[in-house]
Amino acid sequence: MTTNTQKFAAFDIDGTLVRWQFFHAIVHELGRRGFIDAETHQVIRDARMHWKQREHTESFRAYESVLVHSYLTALEKINEDDHAAVIDGVFEEYKDQLFTYTRDKLREFKKEGRLIFAVSGSHELVLQKLAVHLGIDAFIGAAFEFKDGKYTGISRTPVHDKAAALRSLVDKHGATYKGSIAIGDSESDIAMLEMVDNPIAFNPSKGLLAEATKQGWRVVIERKNVVYELESDDGKYILAKTN
């Protein structure tokens, strides 16, 4: 009987390790290259501005909804090679635009000998490139099917069940949950964070912050060139230290 002994650290990618969202950048690049018509691209820009101006509490979700619809529509018209070229361009632009805290933690965890996992809603092609670039051992991302160079459908969207995605990585690589770590920034990461011994809510969304405070998880915030760590104190979170 084999005993799983190797510890791991799991990362969300968009907004947690990478400062922006690969998916968002890919959609905008499709528009810039003309694979999304000008009218639709303007709708995307308008939705993004509504979010940036925080016009209502659901403005980010509305922006993402526009992105998803525009992306899936564009995929029906683009060939596989052009799609891959867009992903290449986005990766080259954003591959080193990383948060200091999570970038340094990834390096620290690798030195400790941990397996590094990534669980993300971003396309598996961009995650594959990021894994090679940063030394990520294994990942699960969104998978899209193409046949004869044409898009035929979506085969995997781990963002909807990150717990199952992480479980499959742990099982496949013989890792142990003892001493495990996971870092995420949004509600979609909660299920993954609940699975590990050491969850970290990093720059958390409102929903994740509420869950983190409820469960007493570590909360870390990076703002400009300062990292703030918050700690639970009698039901409230206080600024504990900075670096």
C-alpha atoms as a PDB file:
ATOM      1  CA  MET A   1       0.000   0.000   0.000  1.00  0.00           C
ATOM      2  CA  THR A   2       1.379   3.402  -1.027  1.00  0.00           C
ATOM      3  CA  THR A   3       1.202   6.235   1.485  1.00  0.00           C
ATOM      4  CA  ASN A   4       0.779   9.730   0.103  1.00  0.00           C
ATOM      5  CA  THR A   5       3.374  11.939   1.775  1.00  0.00           C
ATOM      6  CA  GLN A   6       4.280  14.815  -0.560  1.00  0.00           C
ATOM      7  CA  LYS A   7       2.787  18.135   0.469  1.00  0.00           C
ATOM      8  CA  PHE A   8       1.323  20.553  -2.037  1.00  0.00           C
ATOM      9  CA  ALA A   9       0.335  24.165  -2.527  1.00  0.00           C
ATOM     10  CA  ALA A  10      -2.553  25.001  -4.865  1.00  0.00           C
ATOM     11  CA  PHE A  11      -2.996  28.348  -6.587  1.00  0.00           C
ATOM     12  CA  ASP A  12      -5.832  30.021  -8.368  1.00  0.00           C
ATOM     13  CA  ILE A  13      -4.298  31.967 -11.263  1.00  0.00           C
ATOM     14  CA  ASP A  14      -6.350  34.947 -12.474  1.00  0.00           C
ATOM     15  CA  GLY A  15      -6.335  37.691  -9.860  1.00  0.00           C
ATOM     16  CA  THR A  16      -4.343  35.535  -7.435  1.00  0.00           C
ATOM     17  CA  LEU A  17      -1.007  34.844  -9.097  1.00  0.00           C
ATOM     18  CA  VAL A  18      -1.420  36.904 -12.257  1.00  0.00           C
ATOM     19  CA  ARG A  19      -2.396  40.522 -11.641  1.00  0.00           C
ATOM     20  CA  TRP A  20      -5.000  40.495 -14.383  1.00  0.00           C
ATOM     21  CA  GLN A  21      -7.279  37.841 -15.848  1.00  0.00           C
ATOM     22  CA  PHE A  22      -5.963  35.750 -18.716  1.00  0.00           C
ATOM     23  CA  PHE A  23      -9.492  35.076 -19.926  1.00  0.00           C
ATOM     24  CA  HIS A  24     -10.399  38.771 -20.011  1.00  0.00           C
ATOM     25  CA  ALA A  25      -7.172  39.599 -21.820  1.00  0.00           C
ATOM     26  CA  ILE A  26      -7.772  36.871 -24.413  1.00  0.00           C
ATOM     27  CA  VAL A  27     -11.234  38.229 -25.233  1.00  0.00           C
ATOM     28  CA  HIS A  28      -9.919  41.776 -25.586  1.00  0.00           C
ATOM     29  CA  GLU A  29      -7.094  40.547 -27.814  1.00  0.00           C
ATOM     30  CA  LEU A  30      -9.627  38.775 -30.026  1.00  0.00           C
ATOM     31  CA  GLY A  31     -11.358  42.123 -30.406  1.00  0.00           C
ATOM     32  CA  ARG A  32      -8.129  43.984 -31.076  1.00  0.00           C
ATOM     33  CA  ARG A  33      -7.228  41.519 -33.837  1.00  0.00           C
ATOM     34  CA  GLY A  34     -10.648  41.774 -35.444  1.00  0.00           C
ATOM     35  CA  PHE A  35     -12.016  38.355 -34.473  1.00  0.00           C
ATOM     36  CA  ILE A  36     -14.783  40.129 -32.540  1.00  0.00           C
ATOM     37  CA  ASP A  37     -16.714  42.768 -34.466  1.00  0.00           C
ATOM     38  CA  ALA A  38     -16.269  46.413 -33.512  1.00  0.00           C
ATOM     39  CA  GLU A  39     -19.806  46.808 -32.146  1.00  0.00           C
ATOM     40  CA  THR A  40     -19.454  43.838 -29.797  1.00  0.00           C
ATOM     41  CA  HIS A  41     -15.990  44.934 -28.744  1.00  0.00           C
ATOM     42  CA  GLN A  42     -17.455  48.307 -27.749  1.00  0.00           C
ATOM     43  CA  VAL A  43     -20.127  46.534 -25.696  1.00  0.00           C
ATOM     44  CA  ILE A  44     -17.296  44.745 -23.880  1.00  0.00           C
ATOM     45  CA  ARG A  45     -15.478  48.032 -23.239  1.00  0.00           C
ATOM     46  CA  ASP A  46     -18.664  49.622 -21.924  1.00  0.00           C
ATOM     47  CA  ALA A  47     -19.326  46.698 -19.581  1.00  0.00           C
ATOM     48  CA  ARG A  48     -15.760  46.909 -18.324  1.00  0.00           C
ATOM     49  CA  MET A  49     -16.143  50.625 -17.650  1.00  0.00           C
ATOM     50  CA  HIS A  50     -19.384  50.020 -15.741  1.00  0.00           C
ATOM     51  CA  TRP A  51     -17.444  47.612 -13.551  1.00  0.00           C
ATOM     52  CA  LYS A  52     -14.448  49.929 -13.111  1.00  0.00           C
ATOM     53  CA  GLN A  53     -16.820  52.693 -12.044  1.00  0.00           C
ATOM     54  CA  ARG A  54     -18.540  50.249  -9.626  1.00  0.00           C
ATOM     55  CA  GLU A  55     -21.941  51.318 -10.904  1.00  0.00           C
ATOM     56  CA  HIS A  56     -23.689  48.461  -9.088  1.00  0.00           C
ATOM     57  CA  THR A  57     -22.794  45.429  -6.970  1.00  0.00           C
ATOM     58  CA  GLU A  58     -23.159  42.994  -9.865  1.00  0.00           C
ATOM     59  CA  SER A  59     -21.174  45.032 -12.398  1.00  0.00           C
ATOM     60  CA  PHE A  60     -18.243  42.595 -12.433  1.00  0.00           C
ATOM     61  CA  ARG A  61     -20.510  39.603 -13.009  1.00  0.00           C
ATOM     62  CA  ALA A  62     -22.269  41.521 -15.782  1.00  0.00           C
ATOM     63  CA  TYR A  63     -18.903  42.293 -17.374  1.00  0.00           C
ATOM     64  CA  GLU A  64     -17.867  38.643 -17.193  1.00  0.00           C
ATOM     65  CA  SER A  65     -21.180  37.558 -18.698  1.00  0.00           C
ATOM     66  CA  VAL A  66     -20.564  39.810 -21.704  1.00  0.00           C
ATOM     67  CA  LEU A  67     -17.042  38.411 -22.036  1.00  0.00           C
ATOM     68  CA  VAL A  68     -18.197  34.798 -21.968  1.00  0.00           C
ATOM     69  CA  HIS A  69     -20.910  35.372 -24.560  1.00  0.00           C
ATOM     70  CA  SER A  70     -18.535  37.293 -26.833  1.00  0.00           C
ATOM     71  CA  TYR A  71     -15.815  34.667 -26.492  1.00  0.00           C
ATOM     72  CA  LEU A  72     -18.050  31.717 -27.319  1.00  0.00           C
ATOM     73  CA  THR A  73     -19.472  33.588 -30.311  1.00  0.00           C
ATOM     74  CA  ALA A  74     -15.957  34.401 -31.560  1.00  0.00           C
ATOM     75  CA  LEU A  75     -14.853  30.775 -31.190  1.00  0.00           C
ATOM     76  CA  GLU A  76     -17.479  29.713 -33.722  1.00  0.00           C
ATOM     77  CA  LYS A  77     -15.775  31.873 -36.349  1.00  0.00           C
ATOM     78  CA  ILE A  78     -12.073  31.549 -35.548  1.00  0.00           C
ATOM     79  CA  ASN A  79      -9.790  28.668 -36.505  1.00  0.00           C
ATOM     80  CA  GLU A  80      -7.658  26.819 -33.976  1.00  0.00           C
ATOM     81  CA  ASP A  81      -4.345  28.284 -35.147  1.00  0.00           C
ATOM     82  CA  ASP A  82      -5.544  31.889 -34.879  1.00  0.00           C
ATOM     83  CA  HIS A  83      -6.977  31.160 -31.435  1.00  0.00           C
ATOM     84  CA  ALA A  84      -3.640  29.693 -30.308  1.00  0.00           C
ATOM     85  CA  ALA A  85      -1.809  32.746 -31.684  1.00  0.00           C
ATOM     86  CA  VAL A  86      -4.040  35.042 -29.605  1.00  0.00           C
ATOM     87  CA  ILE A  87      -3.263  33.006 -26.494  1.00  0.00           C
ATOM     88  CA  ASP A  88       0.469  33.176 -27.263  1.00  0.00           C
ATOM     89  CA  GLY A  89       0.309  36.957 -27.492  1.00  0.00           C
ATOM     90  CA  VAL A  90      -1.607  37.321 -24.235  1.00  0.00           C
ATOM     91  CA  PHE A  91       0.753  34.988 -22.408  1.00  0.00           C
ATOM     92  CA  GLU A  92       3.833  36.906 -23.541  1.00  0.00           C
ATOM     93  CA  GLU A  93       2.302  40.155 -22.318  1.00  0.00           C
ATOM     94  CA  TYR A  94       1.117  38.959 -18.905  1.00  0.00           C
ATOM     95  CA  LYS A  95       3.408  36.053 -17.935  1.00  0.00           C
ATOM     96  CA  ASP A  96       5.507  38.168 -15.548  1.00  0.00           C
ATOM     97  CA  GLN A  97       2.794  40.539 -14.327  1.00  0.00           C
ATOM     98  CA  LEU A  98       2.497  38.699 -11.034  1.00  0.00           C
ATOM     99  CA  PHE A  99       1.583  39.681  -7.503  1.00  0.00           C
ATOM    100  CA  THR A 100       4.696  39.880  -5.339  1.00  0.00           C
ATOM    101  CA  TYR A 101       3.175  37.907  -2.460  1.00  0.00           C
ATOM    102  CA  THR A 102       1.971  34.914  -4.448  1.00  0.00           C
ATOM    103  CA  ARG A 103       4.993  34.906  -6.751  1.00  0.00           C
ATOM    104  CA  ASP A 104       7.319  34.745  -3.737  1.00  0.00           C
ATOM    105  CA  LYS A 105       5.143  32.139  -2.019  1.00  0.00           C
ATOM    106  CA  LEU A 106       5.284  29.932  -5.099  1.00  0.00           C
ATOM    107  CA  ARG A 107       9.072  30.125  -5.072  1.00  0.00           C
ATOM    108  CA  GLU A 108       9.169  29.452  -1.326  1.00  0.00           C
ATOM    109  CA  PHE A 109       6.902  26.431  -1.617  1.00  0.00           C
ATOM    110  CA  LYS A 110       8.990  24.988  -4.442  1.00  0.00           C
ATOM    111  CA  LYS A 111      12.128  25.274  -2.299  1.00  0.00           C
ATOM    112  CA  GLU A 112      10.281  23.378   0.436  1.00  0.00           C
ATOM    113  CA  GLY A 113       9.766  20.562  -2.040  1.00  0.00           C
ATOM    114  CA  ARG A 114       6.008  20.978  -2.332  1.00  0.00           C
ATOM    115  CA  LEU A 115       4.116  20.043  -5.443  1.00  0.00           C
ATOM    116  CA  ILE A 116       2.707  23.188  -7.038  1.00  0.00           C
ATOM    117  CA  PHE A 117      -0.810  22.853  -8.453  1.00  0.00           C
ATOM    118  CA  ALA A 118      -2.862  25.401 -10.399  1.00  0.00           C
ATOM    119  CA  VAL A 119      -6.650  25.232 -10.636  1.00  0.00           C
ATOM    120  CA  SER A 120      -8.121  27.878 -12.910  1.00  0.00           C
ATOM    121  CA  GLY A 121     -10.949  28.803 -15.218  1.00  0.00           C
ATOM    122  CA  SER A 122      -8.396  30.032 -17.750  1.00  0.00           C
ATOM    123  CA  HIS A 123      -7.690  28.110 -20.945  1.00  0.00           C
ATOM    124  CA  GLU A 124      -5.440  25.084 -20.514  1.00  0.00           C
ATOM    125  CA  LEU A 125      -3.135  26.311 -23.307  1.00  0.00           C
ATOM    126  CA  VAL A 126      -2.175  29.457 -21.411  1.00  0.00           C
ATOM    127  CA  LEU A 127      -1.834  27.465 -18.173  1.00  0.00           C
ATOM    128  CA  GLN A 128       0.492  25.024 -19.900  1.00  0.00           C
ATOM    129  CA  LYS A 129       2.753  27.902 -20.900  1.00  0.00           C
ATOM    130  CA  LEU A 130       2.601  29.422 -17.411  1.00  0.00           C
ATOM    131  CA  ALA A 131       3.413  26.052 -15.831  1.00  0.00           C
ATOM    132  CA  VAL A 132       6.608  25.771 -17.859  1.00  0.00           C
ATOM    133  CA  HIS A 133       7.507  29.399 -17.160  1.00  0.00           C
ATOM    134  CA  LEU A 134       7.005  29.257 -13.379  1.00  0.00           C
ATOM    135  CA  GLY A 135       7.653  25.621 -12.576  1.00  0.00           C
ATOM    136  CA  ILE A 136       4.082  24.619 -11.781  1.00  0.00           C
ATOM    137  CA  ASP A 137       3.967  20.825 -11.516  1.00  0.00           C
ATOM    138  CA  ALA A 138       0.385  20.195 -12.613  1.00  0.00           C
ATOM    139  CA  PHE A 139      -2.713  22.168 -13.518  1.00  0.00           C
ATOM    140  CA  ILE A 140      -6.332  21.915 -14.540  1.00  0.00           C
ATOM    141  CA  GLY A 141      -7.894  24.614 -16.685  1.00  0.00           C
ATOM    142  CA  ALA A 142     -10.736  25.096 -19.111  1.00  0.00           C
ATOM    143  CA  ALA A 143     -10.574  22.829 -22.152  1.00  0.00           C
ATOM    144  CA  PHE A 144     -12.124  23.606 -25.539  1.00  0.00           C
ATOM    145  CA  GLU A 145     -12.555  21.065 -28.302  1.00  0.00           C
ATOM    146  CA  PHE A 146     -11.604  21.681 -31.911  1.00  0.00           C
ATOM    147  CA  LYS A 147     -12.078  19.367 -34.889  1.00  0.00           C
ATOM    148  CA  ASP A 148     -10.431  20.040 -38.234  1.00  0.00           C
ATOM    149  CA  GLY A 149      -9.365  23.409 -36.862  1.00  0.00           C
ATOM    150  CA  LYS A 150     -12.910  24.476 -35.902  1.00  0.00           C
ATOM    151  CA  TYR A 151     -14.358  24.933 -32.423  1.00  0.00           C
ATOM    152  CA  THR A 152     -16.869  22.212 -31.483  1.00  0.00           C
ATOM    153  CA  GLY A 153     -17.537  22.782 -27.791  1.00  0.00           C
ATOM    154  CA  ILE A 154     -16.322  22.998 -24.180  1.00  0.00           C
ATOM    155  CA  SER A 155     -15.088  19.801 -22.565  1.00  0.00           C
ATOM    156  CA  ARG A 156     -14.035  21.080 -19.127  1.00  0.00           C
ATOM    157  CA  THR A 157     -14.773  24.129 -16.929  1.00  0.00           C
ATOM    158  CA  PRO A 158     -13.097  23.523 -13.548  1.00  0.00           C
ATOM    159  CA  VAL A 159     -14.058  26.954 -12.246  1.00  0.00           C
ATOM    160  CA  HIS A 160     -17.487  25.506 -11.451  1.00  0.00           C
ATOM    161  CA  ASP A 161     -16.037  22.766  -9.204  1.00  0.00           C
ATOM    162  CA  LYS A 162     -12.519  23.562  -8.078  1.00  0.00           C
ATOM    163  CA  ALA A 163     -12.772  21.045  -5.239  1.00  0.00           C
ATOM    164  CA  ALA A 164     -13.166  18.195  -7.727  1.00  0.00           C
ATOM    165  CA  ALA A 165     -10.351  19.588  -9.862  1.00  0.00           C
ATOM    166  CA  LEU A 166      -7.981  19.824  -6.906  1.00  0.00           C
ATOM    167  CA  ARG A 167      -8.961  16.353  -5.697  1.00  0.00           C
ATOM    168  CA  SER A 168      -8.079  14.880  -9.079  1.00  0.00           C
ATOM    169  CA  LEU A 169      -4.633  16.527  -8.992  1.00  0.00           C
ATOM    170  CA  VAL A 170      -3.969  15.311  -5.456  1.00  0.00           C
ATOM    171  CA  ASP A 171      -5.014  11.759  -6.323  1.00  0.00           C
ATOM    172  CA  LYS A 172      -3.094  11.666  -9.591  1.00  0.00           C
ATOM    173  CA  HIS A 173       0.163  12.890  -8.055  1.00  0.00           C
ATOM    174  CA  GLY A 174      -0.048  11.022  -4.751  1.00  0.00           C
ATOM    175  CA  ALA A 175      -0.032  14.139  -2.585  1.00  0.00           C
ATOM    176  CA  THR A 176      -1.180  14.464   1.021  1.00  0.00           C
ATOM    177  CA  TYR A 177      -3.667  16.937   2.439  1.00  0.00           C
ATOM    178  CA  LYS A 178      -1.650  17.084   5.668  1.00  0.00           C
ATOM    179  CA  GLY A 179      -0.009  20.510   5.811  1.00  0.00           C
ATOM    180  CA  SER A 180      -1.557  21.454   2.464  1.00  0.00           C
ATOM    181  CA  ILE A 181      -1.959  25.064   1.305  1.00  0.00           C
ATOM    182  CA  ALA A 182      -4.290  26.788  -1.156  1.00  0.00           C
ATOM    183  CA  ILE A 183      -4.527  30.433  -2.192  1.00  0.00           C
ATOM    184  CA  GLY A 184      -7.498  32.030  -3.954  1.00  0.00           C
ATOM    185  CA  ASP A 185      -9.203  35.378  -4.415  1.00  0.00           C
ATOM    186  CA  SER A 186     -12.904  34.789  -5.151  1.00  0.00           C
ATOM    187  CA  GLU A 187     -16.012  32.825  -4.274  1.00  0.00           C
ATOM    188  CA  SER A 188     -15.171  30.176  -6.862  1.00  0.00           C
ATOM    189  CA  ASP A 189     -12.110  29.282  -4.756  1.00  0.00           C
ATOM    190  CA  ILE A 190     -14.003  28.613  -1.511  1.00  0.00           C
ATOM    191  CA  ALA A 191     -14.543  24.894  -2.123  1.00  0.00           C
ATOM    192  CA  MET A 192     -10.836  24.459  -2.897  1.00  0.00           C
ATOM    193  CA  LEU A 193      -9.788  26.426   0.180  1.00  0.00           C
ATOM    194  CA  GLU A 194     -12.043  24.325   2.398  1.00  0.00           C
ATOM    195  CA  MET A 195     -10.119  21.192   1.421  1.00  0.00           C
ATOM    196  CA  VAL A 196      -6.700  22.228   2.749  1.00  0.00           C
ATOM    197  CA  ASP A 197      -5.118  22.677   6.158  1.00  0.00           C
ATOM    198  CA  ASN A 198      -3.868  26.186   5.400  1.00  0.00           C
ATOM    199  CA  PRO A 199      -6.252  28.257   3.270  1.00  0.00           C
ATOM    200  CA  ILE A 200      -5.269  31.803   2.337  1.00  0.00           C
ATOM    201  CA  ALA A 201      -7.752  34.359   1.030  1.00  0.00           C
ATOM    202  CA  PHE A 202      -5.653  36.735  -1.066  1.00  0.00           C
ATOM    203  CA  ASN A 203      -7.106  40.102  -2.103  1.00  0.00           C
ATOM    204  CA  PRO A 204     -10.490  38.478  -1.474  1.00  0.00           C
ATOM    205  CA  SER A 205     -13.754  39.391  -3.146  1.00  0.00           C
ATOM    206  CA  LYS A 206     -16.611  40.363  -0.857  1.00  0.00           C
ATOM    207  CA  GLY A 207     -18.034  36.848  -0.858  1.00  0.00           C
ATOM    208  CA  LEU A 208     -14.707  35.173  -0.154  1.00  0.00           C
ATOM    209  CA  LEU A 209     -13.901  37.680   2.602  1.00  0.00           C
ATOM    210  CA  ALA A 210     -17.200  36.886   4.305  1.00  0.00           C
ATOM    211  CA  GLU A 211     -16.427  33.161   4.202  1.00  0.00           C
ATOM    212  CA  ALA A 212     -12.834  33.690   5.346  1.00  0.00           C
ATOM    213  CA  THR A 213     -13.904  35.705   8.363  1.00  0.00           C
ATOM    214  CA  LYS A 214     -16.552  33.114   9.179  1.00  0.00           C
ATOM    215  CA  GLN A 215     -14.036  30.268   9.099  1.00  0.00           C
ATOM    216  CA  GLY A 216     -11.067  32.161  10.509  1.00  0.00           C
ATOM    217  CA  TRP A 217      -8.872  31.805   7.435  1.00  0.00           C
ATOM    218  CA  ARG A 218      -5.772  33.893   6.820  1.00  0.00           C
ATOM    219  CA  VAL A 219      -6.470  37.032   4.830  1.00  0.00           C
ATOM    220  CA  VAL A 220      -3.648  38.703   2.907  1.00  0.00           C
ATOM    221  CA  ILE A 221      -3.914  41.907   0.906  1.00  0.00           C
ATOM    222  CA  GLU A 222      -1.350  43.306  -1.510  1.00  0.00           C
ATOM    223  CA  ARG A 223      -1.751  46.979  -2.284  1.00  0.00           C
ATOM    224  CA  LYS A 224       0.821  48.890  -4.343  1.00  0.00           C
ATOM    225  CA  ASN A 225       4.183  47.642  -2.971  1.00  0.00           C
ATOM    226  CA  VAL A 226       2.948  46.659   0.494  1.00  0.00           C
ATOM    227  CA  VAL A 227       1.579  43.300   1.676  1.00  0.00           C
ATOM    228  CA  TYR A 228      -0.863  43.448   4.576  1.00  0.00           C
ATOM    229  CA  GLU A 229      -1.759  40.396   6.627  1.00  0.00           C
ATOM    230  CA  LEU A 230      -4.970  40.427   8.615  1.00  0.00           C
ATOM    231  CA  GLU A 231      -5.607  38.227  11.638  1.00  0.00           C
ATOM    232  CA  SER A 232      -8.761  37.229  13.445  1.00  0.00           C
ATOM    233  CA  ASP A 233      -9.181  38.854  16.863  1.00  0.00           C
ATOM    234  CA  ASP A 234     -12.327  38.040  18.816  1.00  0.00           C
ATOM    235  CA  GLY A 235     -14.469  37.852  15.709  1.00  0.00           C
ATOM    236  CA  LYS A 236     -12.890  40.826  13.971  1.00  0.00           C
ATOM    237  CA  TYR A 237      -9.979  41.117  11.592  1.00  0.00           C
ATOM    238  CA  ILE A 238      -7.149  43.466  12.494  1.00  0.00           C
ATOM    239  CA  LEU A 239      -4.012  44.547  10.690  1.00  0.00           C
ATOM    240  CA  ALA A 240      -1.394  42.203  12.094  1.00  0.00           C
ATOM    241  CA  LYS A 241       1.743  42.908  10.123  1.00  0.00           C
ATOM    242  CA  THR A 242       3.080  44.278   6.886  1.00  0.00           C
ATOM    243  CA  ASN A 243       6.157  43.604   4.831  1.00  0.00           C
END
